[in-house]
Amino acid sequence: MELHLRTFIFFMVMRFSASEEVKKNLTGTVGGNITLPDSVLEEELAFLLYGGKVIAHVIKGEFQVFVEKYKNRLQWDRNSGLFTLTELQRNDSGIYTVDSKTGKVFTSSYKLTVYDSVPTPAVKKVSVSSESCSLLCLVDRETTLLWFKDEQRLNQSSSALSLPLTVHKQDFSSSYRCVAANPAENKTLPVHVRTTCGDTDDTGDRNTGSWLFLVPMAVCWSAVVVSMVLMEGKREAETASSSAVHSRQCDLH
């Protein structure tokens, strides 16, 4: 019986055409999971292939994986009938085919591309003036970078480590974000320009505050000067009075 089953599986696999049209492109990230969209019911006879070679099958509700690379990572959900590949690796990229031979007969192929996880972006202030602020979006390894203002894409750079942006004073209140992306995922960093660059609109207020701070100082110094003048006048008056008394005493003698 087992020999007949193996012969049947071999025959069915040989019938499979490696040129089967790809139904859909799928993307995933390293360490993530991917689920193939087509389901296989437990009463069906179906095969899962990679690059035209059988890596697993479902026979009368029993699921078996043949290739060591996929053991403990390839799963089949009895309830949903879906195949899921976990802990994705870059070399998992390729053509996967669900080939159902009984019941709901179909053959569906999917091209899976596994990407490295997108790095988290950071934003640095480069320079600031009264009219504008220059920012730089940074990542630690090359990826696609984008700047958005509200929902408008301002600029983009593929395979980059940084992407500059100049924000003019009148746009400081707008919503900006830097995005690091690949076809599988993206990571977004919202940027509050007034906080990052400093609010140049309050220059007048700061100047007013400075003047308000200087006023009491000026009053204080004026009072000191007046006091010194008064004290000097008093000393001169006392000196003059003393001289006059001394003169009268001399006249009496």
Protein backbone atom coordinates (compact mmCIF):
# COMPACT_ATOMS: atom_id res chain seq x y z
CA MET A 1 0.00 0.00 0.00
CA GLU A 2 2.76 2.43 0.94
CA LEU A 3 4.60 1.59 -2.29
CA HIS A 4 1.49 2.30 -4.30
CA LEU A 5 1.02 5.62 -2.51
CA ARG A 6 4.59 6.66 -3.21
CA THR A 7 4.21 5.66 -6.85
CA PHE A 8 1.00 7.67 -7.09
CA ILE A 9 2.63 10.73 -5.52
CA PHE A 10 5.60 10.45 -7.87
CA PHE A 11 3.26 10.20 -10.86
CA MET A 12 1.24 13.23 -9.77
CA VAL A 13 4.37 15.28 -9.17
CA MET A 14 5.76 14.42 -12.60
CA ARG A 15 2.54 15.68 -14.12
CA PHE A 16 3.00 19.06 -12.52
CA SER A 17 4.23 21.72 -14.92
CA ALA A 18 6.91 24.04 -13.52
CA SER A 19 5.72 26.66 -15.99
CA GLU A 20 2.39 27.03 -14.15
CA GLU A 21 1.30 30.66 -14.24
CA VAL A 22 1.93 32.61 -11.03
CA LYS A 23 -1.39 33.65 -9.52
CA LYS A 24 -0.13 36.26 -7.09
CA ASN A 25 3.04 37.88 -5.74
CA LEU A 26 3.52 37.61 -1.98
CA THR A 27 5.97 39.46 0.24
CA GLY A 28 7.30 38.76 3.72
CA THR A 29 10.03 39.88 6.10
CA VAL A 30 12.79 37.85 7.72
CA GLY A 31 11.49 36.27 10.92
CA GLY A 32 7.85 36.81 9.92
CA ASN A 33 5.11 34.48 8.64
CA ILE A 34 3.31 34.05 5.33
CA THR A 35 0.03 32.23 4.63
CA LEU A 36 -0.83 30.99 1.15
CA PRO A 37 -4.36 32.15 0.22
CA ASP A 38 -5.82 28.91 -1.22
CA SER A 39 -7.18 26.32 1.19
CA VAL A 40 -7.03 22.54 1.05
CA LEU A 41 -9.80 20.64 2.85
CA GLU A 42 -8.87 17.62 4.90
CA GLU A 43 -10.77 15.18 2.67
CA GLU A 44 -8.78 16.32 -0.35
CA LEU A 45 -5.55 15.05 -1.81
CA ALA A 46 -3.20 18.00 -2.30
CA PHE A 47 0.47 18.83 -2.61
CA LEU A 48 2.54 21.84 -1.72
CA LEU A 49 5.49 22.42 -4.01
CA TYR A 50 8.48 24.75 -4.01
CA GLY A 51 10.23 25.35 -7.31
CA GLY A 52 8.32 22.45 -8.85
CA LYS A 53 9.30 19.94 -6.14
CA VAL A 54 6.95 18.51 -3.51
CA ILE A 55 7.79 19.69 0.00
CA ALA A 56 4.58 18.56 1.74
CA HIS A 57 1.22 16.93 1.13
CA VAL A 58 -2.21 16.48 2.68
CA ILE A 59 -3.80 13.03 2.33
CA LYS A 60 -7.11 12.23 4.06
CA GLY A 61 -6.52 14.94 6.65
CA GLU A 62 -2.93 13.91 7.38
CA PHE A 63 -0.23 16.53 6.82
CA GLN A 64 3.37 15.55 6.17
CA VAL A 65 6.47 17.61 5.41
CA PHE A 66 9.22 15.97 3.35
CA VAL A 67 11.98 18.57 3.23
CA GLU A 68 14.06 19.06 6.38
CA LYS A 69 14.36 22.83 5.82
CA TYR A 70 10.59 23.24 6.28
CA LYS A 71 10.02 20.93 9.22
CA ASN A 72 8.74 22.77 12.32
CA ARG A 73 8.20 25.87 10.12
CA LEU A 74 5.58 24.71 7.61
CA GLN A 75 2.09 24.24 9.01
CA TRP A 76 -1.31 23.26 7.69
CA ASP A 77 -4.43 24.40 9.55
CA ARG A 78 -7.03 21.63 9.54
CA ASN A 79 -9.89 24.11 10.11
CA SER A 80 -9.02 26.75 7.53
CA GLY A 81 -7.14 24.45 5.15
CA LEU A 82 -4.37 27.03 4.73
CA PHE A 83 -0.61 26.50 4.55
CA THR A 84 1.57 28.85 6.64
CA LEU A 85 5.34 29.19 6.57
CA THR A 86 6.82 30.68 9.76
CA GLU A 87 10.20 32.16 10.73
CA LEU A 88 10.84 33.31 7.18
CA GLN A 89 14.37 33.36 5.79
CA ARG A 90 15.73 35.14 2.73
CA ASN A 91 16.26 31.81 0.95
CA ASP A 92 12.55 30.99 1.35
CA SER A 93 11.92 33.28 -1.63
CA GLY A 94 10.64 31.45 -4.71
CA ILE A 95 7.59 29.88 -6.35
CA TYR A 96 5.15 27.97 -4.11
CA THR A 97 2.32 25.93 -5.62
CA VAL A 98 -0.78 24.47 -4.02
CA ASP A 99 -1.86 21.55 -6.22
CA SER A 100 -5.21 20.01 -5.26
CA LYS A 101 -6.01 16.77 -7.08
CA THR A 102 -9.39 15.80 -5.64
CA GLY A 103 -12.47 17.59 -4.38
CA LYS A 104 -11.90 21.23 -5.27
CA VAL A 105 -9.38 20.59 -8.04
CA PHE A 106 -7.06 23.51 -8.71
CA THR A 107 -3.43 24.51 -9.10
CA SER A 108 -2.34 27.92 -7.77
CA SER A 109 1.21 29.26 -7.80
CA TYR A 110 2.58 32.15 -5.76
CA LYS A 111 5.86 34.01 -6.02
CA LEU A 112 7.16 34.76 -2.52
CA THR A 113 9.87 37.38 -1.96
CA VAL A 114 11.34 37.65 1.53
CA TYR A 115 12.94 40.98 2.51
CA ASP A 116 15.05 42.04 5.45
CA SER A 117 13.09 43.92 8.10
CA VAL A 118 12.96 47.67 7.51
CA PRO A 119 15.24 49.72 9.82
CA THR A 120 13.63 52.27 12.12
CA PRO A 121 14.23 55.83 10.85
CA ALA A 122 15.56 58.74 12.92
CA VAL A 123 15.44 62.49 12.20
CA LYS A 124 18.20 64.99 12.87
CA LYS A 125 18.19 68.79 12.65
CA VAL A 126 20.95 69.95 10.28
CA SER A 127 20.50 73.72 10.40
CA VAL A 128 17.87 76.31 11.31
CA SER A 129 17.35 79.96 10.40
CA SER A 130 14.59 82.52 10.82
CA GLU A 131 13.13 81.41 7.48
CA SER A 132 13.58 77.63 7.32
CA CYS A 133 14.84 74.44 8.94
CA SER A 134 16.86 71.66 7.30
CA LEU A 135 16.18 68.09 8.46
CA LEU A 136 17.77 64.73 7.66
CA CYS A 137 16.02 61.35 7.86
CA LEU A 138 18.52 58.60 8.72
CA VAL A 139 18.65 54.77 8.79
CA ASP A 140 21.48 52.40 9.70
CA ARG A 141 21.27 50.35 6.49
CA GLU A 142 20.18 51.15 2.96
CA THR A 143 16.46 51.13 2.21
CA THR A 144 13.85 53.29 0.49
CA LEU A 145 13.26 56.58 2.33
CA LEU A 146 10.35 58.97 1.85
CA TRP A 147 9.29 62.34 3.26
CA PHE A 148 5.58 63.15 3.55
CA LYS A 149 3.85 66.45 4.32
CA ASP A 150 0.33 65.60 5.48
CA GLU A 151 -0.69 63.05 2.79
CA GLN A 152 1.56 64.47 0.07
CA ARG A 153 4.80 62.69 -0.78
CA LEU A 154 7.54 65.32 -1.02
CA ASN A 155 10.57 63.26 -2.06
CA GLN A 156 11.91 59.72 -2.16
CA SER A 157 15.24 57.95 -2.44
CA SER A 158 15.82 54.25 -3.11
CA SER A 159 18.66 52.33 -1.43
CA ALA A 160 19.65 55.32 0.70
CA LEU A 161 21.03 55.91 4.17
CA SER A 162 19.64 59.45 4.48
CA LEU A 163 17.18 61.84 2.84
CA PRO A 164 17.21 65.64 3.41
CA LEU A 165 14.24 67.99 3.67
CA THR A 166 13.96 71.78 4.01
CA VAL A 167 10.86 73.08 5.77
CA HIS A 168 9.99 76.77 5.38
CA LYS A 169 8.74 78.84 8.29
CA GLN A 170 5.18 79.13 6.98
CA ASP A 171 4.92 75.31 6.87
CA PHE A 172 6.13 74.61 10.42
CA SER A 173 2.59 73.79 11.55
CA SER A 174 2.08 71.10 8.89
CA SER A 175 2.31 67.40 9.69
CA TYR A 176 5.52 65.73 8.48
CA ARG A 177 6.71 62.15 8.64
CA CYS A 178 9.74 60.18 7.49
CA VAL A 179 9.08 56.66 6.18
CA ALA A 180 11.50 53.77 5.70
CA ALA A 181 9.98 51.13 3.44
CA ASN A 182 10.39 48.06 1.29
CA PRO A 183 7.68 46.10 -0.60
CA ALA A 184 6.92 44.01 2.50
CA GLU A 185 6.63 46.64 5.26
CA ASN A 186 7.26 50.23 6.29
CA LYS A 187 8.12 52.12 9.46
CA THR A 188 7.02 55.69 10.02
CA LEU A 189 8.44 58.42 12.24
CA PRO A 190 6.16 61.47 12.77
CA VAL A 191 8.13 64.75 12.99
CA HIS A 192 6.97 67.81 14.96
CA VAL A 193 8.92 70.53 13.18
CA ARG A 194 8.44 73.24 15.84
CA THR A 195 9.83 70.91 18.50
CA THR A 196 12.67 69.56 16.37
CA CYS A 197 13.76 72.90 14.91
CA GLY A 198 12.69 75.30 17.65
CA ASP A 199 9.87 77.80 17.18
CA THR A 200 11.34 80.82 15.40
CA ASP A 201 7.97 82.61 15.56
CA ASP A 202 8.56 83.63 19.16
CA THR A 203 11.61 85.81 18.34
CA GLY A 204 9.60 88.97 18.94
CA ASP A 205 8.28 87.63 22.23
CA ARG A 206 11.78 86.74 23.33
CA ASN A 207 12.98 90.25 22.44
CA THR A 208 10.06 91.76 24.34
CA GLY A 209 10.90 89.60 27.31
CA SER A 210 14.50 90.76 27.16
CA TRP A 211 13.45 94.40 27.20
CA LEU A 212 11.09 93.74 30.09
CA PHE A 213 13.98 92.17 31.94
CA LEU A 214 16.25 95.14 31.21
CA VAL A 215 13.75 97.79 32.40
CA PRO A 216 13.96 96.99 36.13
CA MET A 217 17.73 96.68 35.81
CA ALA A 218 17.90 100.15 34.28
CA VAL A 219 15.67 101.57 37.01
CA CYS A 220 17.83 99.92 39.64
CA TRP A 221 21.05 101.33 38.20
CA SER A 222 19.43 104.77 37.87
CA ALA A 223 18.52 104.67 41.55
CA VAL A 224 22.08 103.73 42.43
CA VAL A 225 23.48 106.58 40.36
CA VAL A 226 21.01 109.06 41.86
CA SER A 227 21.90 107.87 45.36
CA MET A 228 25.58 108.28 44.63
CA VAL A 229 25.01 111.78 43.29
CA LEU A 230 22.94 112.74 46.32
CA MET A 231 25.53 111.31 48.68
CA GLU A 232 28.29 113.16 46.88
CA GLY A 233 26.28 116.40 47.08
CA LYS A 234 25.65 115.87 50.74
CA ARG A 235 29.35 115.30 51.39
CA GLU A 236 30.20 118.47 49.45
CA ALA A 237 27.62 120.41 51.42
CA GLU A 238 28.95 119.08 54.69
CA THR A 239 32.50 119.95 53.64
CA ALA A 240 31.45 123.46 52.66
CA SER A 241 29.58 123.94 55.94
CA SER A 242 32.57 122.69 57.92
CA SER A 243 34.85 125.11 56.10
CA ALA A 244 32.56 128.04 56.82
CA VAL A 245 32.46 127.26 60.53
CA HIS A 246 36.21 126.97 60.66
CA SER A 247 36.55 130.31 58.88
CA ARG A 248 34.28 132.10 61.37
CA GLN A 249 36.25 130.65 64.25
CA CYS A 250 39.44 131.98 62.73
CA ASP A 251 37.87 135.44 62.37
CA LEU A 252 36.93 135.53 66.05
CA HIS A 253 40.50 134.88 67.07
